Amino acid sequence: MRSFMKSALPLFALLFSLVVAGPALAIDLDSAKAQGLVGEKLNGYVGIVTAAPDPDLKAMVNDINLRRRASYQAIAAKTPGATLNAVEKLAAEKLIAKTKSGQYVETAPGKWAKKP
């Protein structure tokens, strides 16, 4: 697992530059997080926190998650011994750690809490 983590670090840097810090998506995602509409899930994807999401929010979350999945699959394919599940879990840990205080994170499947 350690060799996987060491070899995956450069790929995660690419992932974060493409998925998390993308120019248009980051602003929308950051805004949705700040408003408490979405949060980071334990599986490495974005989840909708609000009970009544509008279609634009659903579309944004779906788009982000499709991009993340494609990035995770690419990382798993390029990293010897890596699985999609392992990449998703590692990404989730990093994304949740980077989540700002007061924004939502998943603490158990389907359970949301504001990060202290």
N, C-alpha and C. Protein backbone atom coordinates (compact mmCIF):
# COMPACT_ATOMS: atom_id res chain seq x y z
N MET A 1 0.83 -1.20 0.00
CA MET A 1 0.00 0.00 0.00
C MET A 1 0.87 1.25 0.00
N ARG A 2 2.01 1.21 0.71
CA ARG A 2 2.87 2.39 0.75
C ARG A 2 3.46 2.68 -0.61
N SER A 3 3.86 1.63 -1.34
CA SER A 3 4.42 1.85 -2.68
C SER A 3 3.34 2.43 -3.59
N PHE A 4 2.10 1.98 -3.42
CA PHE A 4 1.00 2.55 -4.19
C PHE A 4 0.85 4.03 -3.89
N MET A 5 0.90 4.39 -2.61
CA MET A 5 0.72 5.79 -2.23
C MET A 5 1.86 6.65 -2.78
N LYS A 6 3.10 6.15 -2.71
CA LYS A 6 4.23 6.91 -3.23
C LYS A 6 4.13 7.11 -4.73
N SER A 7 3.76 6.06 -5.45
CA SER A 7 3.68 6.17 -6.90
C SER A 7 2.45 6.96 -7.34
N ALA A 8 1.44 7.04 -6.51
CA ALA A 8 0.22 7.74 -6.88
C ALA A 8 0.28 9.24 -6.60
N LEU A 9 1.23 9.71 -5.80
CA LEU A 9 1.27 11.13 -5.45
C LEU A 9 1.34 12.06 -6.65
N PRO A 10 2.22 11.82 -7.64
CA PRO A 10 2.23 12.72 -8.79
C PRO A 10 0.92 12.70 -9.56
N LEU A 11 0.30 11.53 -9.61
CA LEU A 11 -0.98 11.44 -10.31
C LEU A 11 -2.08 12.18 -9.56
N PHE A 12 -2.01 12.17 -8.21
CA PHE A 12 -3.00 12.92 -7.44
C PHE A 12 -2.82 14.42 -7.62
N ALA A 13 -1.59 14.87 -7.79
CA ALA A 13 -1.37 16.29 -8.06
C ALA A 13 -2.07 16.68 -9.35
N LEU A 14 -1.96 15.83 -10.36
CA LEU A 14 -2.65 16.08 -11.63
C LEU A 14 -4.16 16.05 -11.41
N LEU A 15 -4.63 15.07 -10.67
CA LEU A 15 -6.05 14.95 -10.39
C LEU A 15 -6.60 16.23 -9.77
N PHE A 16 -5.93 16.72 -8.74
CA PHE A 16 -6.43 17.91 -8.05
C PHE A 16 -6.38 19.14 -8.96
N SER A 17 -5.39 19.22 -9.82
CA SER A 17 -5.35 20.37 -10.72
C SER A 17 -6.46 20.31 -11.75
N LEU A 18 -6.85 19.11 -12.17
CA LEU A 18 -7.90 18.97 -13.16
C LEU A 18 -9.30 19.01 -12.58
N VAL A 19 -9.48 18.34 -11.45
CA VAL A 19 -10.82 18.17 -10.90
C VAL A 19 -11.16 19.20 -9.84
N VAL A 20 -10.30 19.39 -8.89
CA VAL A 20 -10.62 20.24 -7.75
C VAL A 20 -10.38 21.71 -8.06
N ALA A 21 -9.32 22.02 -8.75
CA ALA A 21 -8.96 23.41 -8.97
C ALA A 21 -9.28 23.88 -10.37
N GLY A 22 -10.12 23.17 -11.10
CA GLY A 22 -10.50 23.62 -12.43
C GLY A 22 -11.14 24.98 -12.35
N PRO A 23 -10.92 25.87 -13.32
CA PRO A 23 -11.35 27.25 -13.22
C PRO A 23 -12.85 27.44 -13.04
N ALA A 24 -13.68 26.83 -13.85
CA ALA A 24 -15.12 27.07 -13.74
C ALA A 24 -15.74 26.20 -12.65
N LEU A 25 -15.36 24.93 -12.60
CA LEU A 25 -15.98 24.02 -11.64
C LEU A 25 -15.64 24.38 -10.21
N ALA A 26 -14.41 24.80 -9.94
CA ALA A 26 -14.00 25.09 -8.57
C ALA A 26 -14.85 26.21 -7.98
N ILE A 27 -15.13 27.24 -8.76
CA ILE A 27 -15.94 28.34 -8.26
C ILE A 27 -17.35 27.83 -7.94
N ASP A 28 -17.94 27.08 -8.83
CA ASP A 28 -19.27 26.56 -8.58
C ASP A 28 -19.28 25.58 -7.42
N LEU A 29 -18.31 24.68 -7.39
CA LEU A 29 -18.24 23.71 -6.31
C LEU A 29 -17.96 24.40 -4.98
N ASP A 30 -17.02 25.32 -4.98
CA ASP A 30 -16.72 26.05 -3.75
C ASP A 30 -17.95 26.80 -3.23
N SER A 31 -18.67 27.42 -4.14
CA SER A 31 -19.88 28.15 -3.75
C SER A 31 -20.93 27.21 -3.18
N ALA A 32 -21.12 26.08 -3.83
CA ALA A 32 -22.11 25.10 -3.35
C ALA A 32 -21.70 24.54 -1.99
N LYS A 33 -20.40 24.32 -1.79
CA LYS A 33 -19.93 23.85 -0.49
C LYS A 33 -20.14 24.92 0.57
N ALA A 34 -19.81 26.16 0.25
CA ALA A 34 -19.94 27.26 1.20
C ALA A 34 -21.41 27.48 1.60
N GLN A 35 -22.32 27.19 0.69
CA GLN A 35 -23.75 27.36 0.98
C GLN A 35 -24.35 26.13 1.66
N GLY A 36 -23.54 25.09 1.86
CA GLY A 36 -24.03 23.89 2.53
C GLY A 36 -24.92 23.02 1.66
N LEU A 37 -24.78 23.14 0.34
CA LEU A 37 -25.60 22.36 -0.58
C LEU A 37 -25.00 21.00 -0.90
N VAL A 38 -23.67 20.93 -0.89
CA VAL A 38 -22.96 19.70 -1.22
C VAL A 38 -21.82 19.49 -0.24
N GLY A 39 -21.31 18.27 -0.22
CA GLY A 39 -20.17 17.96 0.63
C GLY A 39 -19.34 16.85 0.03
N GLU A 40 -18.21 16.58 0.67
CA GLU A 40 -17.32 15.52 0.23
C GLU A 40 -17.74 14.20 0.87
N LYS A 41 -17.85 13.17 0.03
CA LYS A 41 -18.27 11.85 0.50
C LYS A 41 -17.07 10.96 0.82
N LEU A 42 -17.31 9.93 1.58
CA LEU A 42 -16.28 8.98 1.98
C LEU A 42 -15.74 8.15 0.81
N ASN A 43 -16.43 8.19 -0.32
CA ASN A 43 -16.00 7.41 -1.47
C ASN A 43 -15.24 8.23 -2.51
N GLY A 44 -14.92 9.49 -2.19
CA GLY A 44 -14.14 10.31 -3.11
C GLY A 44 -14.96 11.14 -4.08
N TYR A 45 -16.25 11.14 -3.90
CA TYR A 45 -17.14 11.88 -4.79
C TYR A 45 -17.87 12.98 -4.02
N VAL A 46 -18.54 13.85 -4.75
CA VAL A 46 -19.32 14.94 -4.15
C VAL A 46 -20.73 14.41 -3.93
N GLY A 47 -21.31 14.77 -2.81
CA GLY A 47 -22.68 14.38 -2.52
C GLY A 47 -23.56 15.59 -2.27
N ILE A 48 -24.82 15.44 -2.56
CA ILE A 48 -25.79 16.52 -2.34
C ILE A 48 -26.30 16.42 -0.91
N VAL A 49 -26.19 17.51 -0.19
CA VAL A 49 -26.60 17.56 1.21
C VAL A 49 -28.03 18.07 1.34
N THR A 50 -28.39 19.03 0.54
CA THR A 50 -29.71 19.65 0.62
C THR A 50 -30.80 18.65 0.23
N ALA A 51 -31.95 18.77 0.86
CA ALA A 51 -33.06 17.85 0.61
C ALA A 51 -33.76 18.12 -0.72
N ALA A 52 -33.68 19.35 -1.20
CA ALA A 52 -34.39 19.72 -2.43
C ALA A 52 -33.43 20.41 -3.41
N PRO A 53 -32.52 19.63 -4.02
CA PRO A 53 -31.56 20.25 -4.95
C PRO A 53 -32.23 20.65 -6.26
N ASP A 54 -31.76 21.76 -6.82
CA ASP A 54 -32.30 22.15 -8.12
C ASP A 54 -31.57 21.38 -9.22
N PRO A 55 -32.13 21.36 -10.42
CA PRO A 55 -31.54 20.60 -11.52
C PRO A 55 -30.11 21.02 -11.86
N ASP A 56 -29.80 22.31 -11.74
CA ASP A 56 -28.45 22.78 -12.03
C ASP A 56 -27.44 22.21 -11.03
N LEU A 57 -27.82 22.14 -9.77
CA LEU A 57 -26.94 21.57 -8.75
C LEU A 57 -26.71 20.09 -9.03
N LYS A 58 -27.78 19.37 -9.35
CA LYS A 58 -27.65 17.94 -9.68
C LYS A 58 -26.72 17.75 -10.88
N ALA A 59 -26.89 18.58 -11.89
CA ALA A 59 -26.05 18.47 -13.09
C ALA A 59 -24.59 18.75 -12.77
N MET A 60 -24.34 19.76 -11.94
CA MET A 60 -22.97 20.09 -11.56
C MET A 60 -22.34 18.93 -10.80
N VAL A 61 -23.05 18.37 -9.83
CA VAL A 61 -22.52 17.26 -9.04
C VAL A 61 -22.25 16.05 -9.94
N ASN A 62 -23.18 15.75 -10.83
CA ASN A 62 -22.98 14.62 -11.75
C ASN A 62 -21.75 14.84 -12.63
N ASP A 63 -21.58 16.06 -13.14
CA ASP A 63 -20.43 16.38 -13.99
C ASP A 63 -19.12 16.22 -13.22
N ILE A 64 -19.07 16.76 -12.03
CA ILE A 64 -17.86 16.66 -11.20
C ILE A 64 -17.56 15.19 -10.90
N ASN A 65 -18.57 14.44 -10.54
CA ASN A 65 -18.35 13.03 -10.19
C ASN A 65 -17.91 12.20 -11.40
N LEU A 66 -18.44 12.51 -12.58
CA LEU A 66 -17.99 11.81 -13.79
C LEU A 66 -16.52 12.12 -14.06
N ARG A 67 -16.13 13.37 -13.88
CA ARG A 67 -14.73 13.76 -14.10
C ARG A 67 -13.82 13.10 -13.05
N ARG A 68 -14.28 13.08 -11.82
CA ARG A 68 -13.48 12.44 -10.78
C ARG A 68 -13.31 10.96 -11.07
N ARG A 69 -14.39 10.29 -11.43
CA ARG A 69 -14.31 8.86 -11.71
C ARG A 69 -13.32 8.59 -12.85
N ALA A 70 -13.39 9.38 -13.89
CA ALA A 70 -12.46 9.21 -15.01
C ALA A 70 -11.02 9.41 -14.55
N SER A 71 -10.79 10.40 -13.70
CA SER A 71 -9.44 10.64 -13.17
C SER A 71 -9.00 9.50 -12.28
N TYR A 72 -9.89 9.02 -11.42
CA TYR A 72 -9.55 7.91 -10.53
C TYR A 72 -9.22 6.66 -11.34
N GLN A 73 -10.01 6.40 -12.40
CA GLN A 73 -9.75 5.24 -13.24
C GLN A 73 -8.40 5.35 -13.93
N ALA A 74 -8.07 6.55 -14.40
CA ALA A 74 -6.78 6.76 -15.06
C ALA A 74 -5.63 6.53 -14.08
N ILE A 75 -5.79 7.01 -12.86
CA ILE A 75 -4.75 6.82 -11.84
C ILE A 75 -4.59 5.34 -11.53
N ALA A 76 -5.70 4.64 -11.35
CA ALA A 76 -5.64 3.21 -11.04
C ALA A 76 -4.98 2.43 -12.18
N ALA A 77 -5.29 2.82 -13.42
CA ALA A 77 -4.72 2.13 -14.57
C ALA A 77 -3.21 2.37 -14.69
N LYS A 78 -2.74 3.52 -14.27
CA LYS A 78 -1.32 3.87 -14.39
C LYS A 78 -0.49 3.46 -13.18
N THR A 79 -1.15 3.04 -12.11
CA THR A 79 -0.44 2.73 -10.87
C THR A 79 -0.45 1.22 -10.64
N PRO A 80 0.72 0.59 -10.68
CA PRO A 80 0.78 -0.86 -10.47
C PRO A 80 0.18 -1.26 -9.12
N GLY A 81 -0.71 -2.24 -9.16
CA GLY A 81 -1.31 -2.76 -7.95
C GLY A 81 -2.48 -1.95 -7.42
N ALA A 82 -2.80 -0.84 -8.06
CA ALA A 82 -3.88 0.02 -7.57
C ALA A 82 -5.22 -0.47 -8.12
N THR A 83 -6.25 -0.27 -7.32
CA THR A 83 -7.62 -0.54 -7.76
C THR A 83 -8.39 0.77 -7.74
N LEU A 84 -9.48 0.79 -8.46
CA LEU A 84 -10.33 1.99 -8.46
C LEU A 84 -10.77 2.31 -7.04
N ASN A 85 -11.16 1.28 -6.29
CA ASN A 85 -11.63 1.49 -4.92
C ASN A 85 -10.55 2.10 -4.05
N ALA A 86 -9.31 1.64 -4.18
CA ALA A 86 -8.21 2.17 -3.38
C ALA A 86 -7.95 3.64 -3.73
N VAL A 87 -8.01 3.96 -5.01
CA VAL A 87 -7.80 5.35 -5.43
C VAL A 87 -8.92 6.23 -4.91
N GLU A 88 -10.16 5.75 -4.99
CA GLU A 88 -11.29 6.52 -4.48
C GLU A 88 -11.14 6.80 -2.99
N LYS A 89 -10.75 5.80 -2.22
CA LYS A 89 -10.60 5.97 -0.77
C LYS A 89 -9.50 6.96 -0.43
N LEU A 90 -8.37 6.86 -1.12
CA LEU A 90 -7.27 7.78 -0.87
C LEU A 90 -7.66 9.21 -1.25
N ALA A 91 -8.35 9.34 -2.37
CA ALA A 91 -8.82 10.67 -2.80
C ALA A 91 -9.80 11.23 -1.77
N ALA A 92 -10.69 10.39 -1.26
CA ALA A 92 -11.66 10.84 -0.26
C ALA A 92 -10.95 11.38 0.97
N GLU A 93 -9.94 10.66 1.44
CA GLU A 93 -9.20 11.12 2.62
C GLU A 93 -8.59 12.48 2.36
N LYS A 94 -7.99 12.66 1.20
CA LYS A 94 -7.33 13.93 0.88
C LYS A 94 -8.35 15.05 0.71
N LEU A 95 -9.46 14.77 0.01
CA LEU A 95 -10.48 15.80 -0.21
C LEU A 95 -11.17 16.21 1.09
N ILE A 96 -11.45 15.25 1.95
CA ILE A 96 -12.08 15.56 3.25
C ILE A 96 -11.11 16.35 4.11
N ALA A 97 -9.84 15.99 4.09
CA ALA A 97 -8.84 16.74 4.86
C ALA A 97 -8.73 18.18 4.37
N LYS A 98 -8.93 18.41 3.08
CA LYS A 98 -8.83 19.76 2.51
C LYS A 98 -10.12 20.56 2.67
N THR A 99 -11.20 19.90 3.05
CA THR A 99 -12.47 20.59 3.20
C THR A 99 -12.38 21.62 4.32
N LYS A 100 -12.91 22.79 4.07
CA LYS A 100 -12.86 23.88 5.05
C LYS A 100 -13.79 23.62 6.23
N SER A 101 -13.41 24.17 7.35
CA SER A 101 -14.24 24.10 8.55
C SER A 101 -15.62 24.69 8.26
N GLY A 102 -16.66 24.02 8.73
CA GLY A 102 -18.02 24.51 8.54
C GLY A 102 -18.69 23.95 7.29
N GLN A 103 -17.93 23.28 6.45
CA GLN A 103 -18.51 22.66 5.26
C GLN A 103 -18.81 21.20 5.55
N TYR A 104 -19.69 20.61 4.75
CA TYR A 104 -20.16 19.26 5.02
C TYR A 104 -19.21 18.19 4.50
N VAL A 105 -19.08 17.14 5.33
CA VAL A 105 -18.38 15.92 4.96
C VAL A 105 -19.24 14.75 5.41
N GLU A 106 -19.11 13.66 4.70
CA GLU A 106 -19.85 12.45 5.06
C GLU A 106 -19.08 11.73 6.15
N THR A 107 -19.76 11.40 7.24
CA THR A 107 -19.11 10.73 8.37
C THR A 107 -19.41 9.23 8.38
N ALA A 108 -20.49 8.84 7.78
CA ALA A 108 -20.90 7.46 7.57
C ALA A 108 -21.80 7.50 6.33
N PRO A 109 -21.99 6.39 5.64
CA PRO A 109 -22.82 6.44 4.43
C PRO A 109 -24.17 7.13 4.66
N GLY A 110 -24.36 8.23 3.96
CA GLY A 110 -25.62 8.98 4.08
C GLY A 110 -25.71 9.92 5.26
N LYS A 111 -24.70 9.99 6.09
CA LYS A 111 -24.70 10.86 7.29
C LYS A 111 -23.75 12.04 7.04
N TRP A 112 -24.28 13.24 7.15
CA TRP A 112 -23.51 14.44 6.90
C TRP A 112 -23.28 15.20 8.21
N ALA A 113 -22.11 15.81 8.31
CA ALA A 113 -21.79 16.66 9.46
C ALA A 113 -20.90 17.79 8.98
N LYS A 114 -21.04 18.93 9.64
CA LYS A 114 -20.15 20.06 9.33
C LYS A 114 -18.77 19.75 9.91
N LYS A 115 -17.76 20.00 9.11
CA LYS A 115 -16.39 19.77 9.58
C LYS A 115 -16.05 20.82 10.63
N PRO A 116 -15.50 20.36 11.76
CA PRO A 116 -15.14 21.33 12.82
C PRO A 116 -14.04 22.27 12.39
